[in-house]
Amino acid sequence: MERTIFNKAQLEMLDIMAGIRTEEELNALKHTISEFYAKRADEEMEKLWESG
């Protein structure tokens, strides 16, 4: 059986997720992560726009 090795970010997310106790907390975490990636996408689009 192959061993899975987690990187630092994955381990951090596992620690965070271990504290999730309710559906509301899970939904809030999902929303926060979605906002994070949406912001990153917006920033990248802005860079592309500015560079032509």
C-alpha atoms as a PDB file:
ATOM      1  CA  MET A   1       0.000   0.000   0.000  1.00  0.00           C
ATOM      2  CA  GLU A   2       1.294   3.425  -0.948  1.00  0.00           C
ATOM      3  CA  ARG A   3       1.768   5.979   1.795  1.00  0.00           C
ATOM      4  CA  THR A   4       0.210   9.432   1.488  1.00  0.00           C
ATOM      5  CA  ILE A   5       2.463  12.285   2.494  1.00  0.00           C
ATOM      6  CA  PHE A   6       0.700  15.532   3.266  1.00  0.00           C
ATOM      7  CA  ASN A   7       2.288  18.917   2.709  1.00  0.00           C
ATOM      8  CA  LYS A   8       2.263  21.698   5.307  1.00  0.00           C
ATOM      9  CA  ALA A   9      -0.924  23.310   3.947  1.00  0.00           C
ATOM     10  CA  GLN A  10      -2.800  20.001   3.912  1.00  0.00           C
ATOM     11  CA  LEU A  11      -1.813  19.270   7.493  1.00  0.00           C
ATOM     12  CA  GLU A  12      -2.940  22.739   8.554  1.00  0.00           C
ATOM     13  CA  MET A  13      -6.318  22.227   6.866  1.00  0.00           C
ATOM     14  CA  LEU A  14      -6.742  18.870   8.599  1.00  0.00           C
ATOM     15  CA  ASP A  15      -6.091  20.553  11.948  1.00  0.00           C
ATOM     16  CA  ILE A  16      -8.648  23.256  11.149  1.00  0.00           C
ATOM     17  CA  MET A  17     -11.215  20.741   9.925  1.00  0.00           C
ATOM     18  CA  ALA A  18     -10.811  18.656  13.082  1.00  0.00           C
ATOM     19  CA  GLY A  19     -12.377  21.531  15.008  1.00  0.00           C
ATOM     20  CA  ILE A  20     -15.504  21.683  12.845  1.00  0.00           C
ATOM     21  CA  ARG A  21     -18.440  20.593  14.996  1.00  0.00           C
ATOM     22  CA  THR A  22     -21.560  21.725  13.163  1.00  0.00           C
ATOM     23  CA  GLU A  23     -22.909  22.000   9.640  1.00  0.00           C
ATOM     24  CA  GLU A  24     -22.914  25.787  10.045  1.00  0.00           C
ATOM     25  CA  GLU A  25     -19.206  25.812  10.876  1.00  0.00           C
ATOM     26  CA  LEU A  26     -18.496  23.628   7.868  1.00  0.00           C
ATOM     27  CA  ASN A  27     -20.486  25.935   5.609  1.00  0.00           C
ATOM     28  CA  ALA A  28     -18.668  28.972   7.001  1.00  0.00           C
ATOM     29  CA  LEU A  29     -15.306  27.329   6.313  1.00  0.00           C
ATOM     30  CA  LYS A  30     -16.355  26.440   2.762  1.00  0.00           C
ATOM     31  CA  HIS A  31     -17.489  30.018   2.198  1.00  0.00           C
ATOM     32  CA  THR A  32     -14.208  31.422   3.498  1.00  0.00           C
ATOM     33  CA  ILE A  33     -12.176  29.107   1.278  1.00  0.00           C
ATOM     34  CA  SER A  34     -14.323  30.013  -1.727  1.00  0.00           C
ATOM     35  CA  GLU A  35     -13.781  33.716  -1.061  1.00  0.00           C
ATOM     36  CA  PHE A  36     -10.035  33.144  -0.783  1.00  0.00           C
ATOM     37  CA  TYR A  37      -9.849  31.460  -4.190  1.00  0.00           C
ATOM     38  CA  ALA A  38     -12.186  33.989  -5.793  1.00  0.00           C
ATOM     39  CA  LYS A  39      -9.939  36.806  -4.573  1.00  0.00           C
ATOM     40  CA  ARG A  40      -6.858  35.053  -5.942  1.00  0.00           C
ATOM     41  CA  ALA A  41      -8.570  34.594  -9.310  1.00  0.00           C
ATOM     42  CA  ASP A  42      -9.558  38.278  -9.374  1.00  0.00           C
ATOM     43  CA  GLU A  43      -5.983  39.308  -8.599  1.00  0.00           C
ATOM     44  CA  GLU A  44      -4.642  37.127 -11.397  1.00  0.00           C
ATOM     45  CA  MET A  45      -7.207  38.501 -13.846  1.00  0.00           C
ATOM     46  CA  GLU A  46      -6.198  42.040 -12.867  1.00  0.00           C
ATOM     47  CA  LYS A  47      -2.529  41.191 -13.535  1.00  0.00           C
ATOM     48  CA  LEU A  48      -3.438  39.783 -16.945  1.00  0.00           C
ATOM     49  CA  TRP A  49      -5.535  42.834 -17.763  1.00  0.00           C
ATOM     50  CA  GLU A  50      -2.740  45.218 -16.771  1.00  0.00           C
ATOM     51  CA  SER A  51      -0.111  43.307 -18.752  1.00  0.00           C
ATOM     52  CA  GLY A  52      -2.278  43.335 -21.866  1.00  0.00           C
END
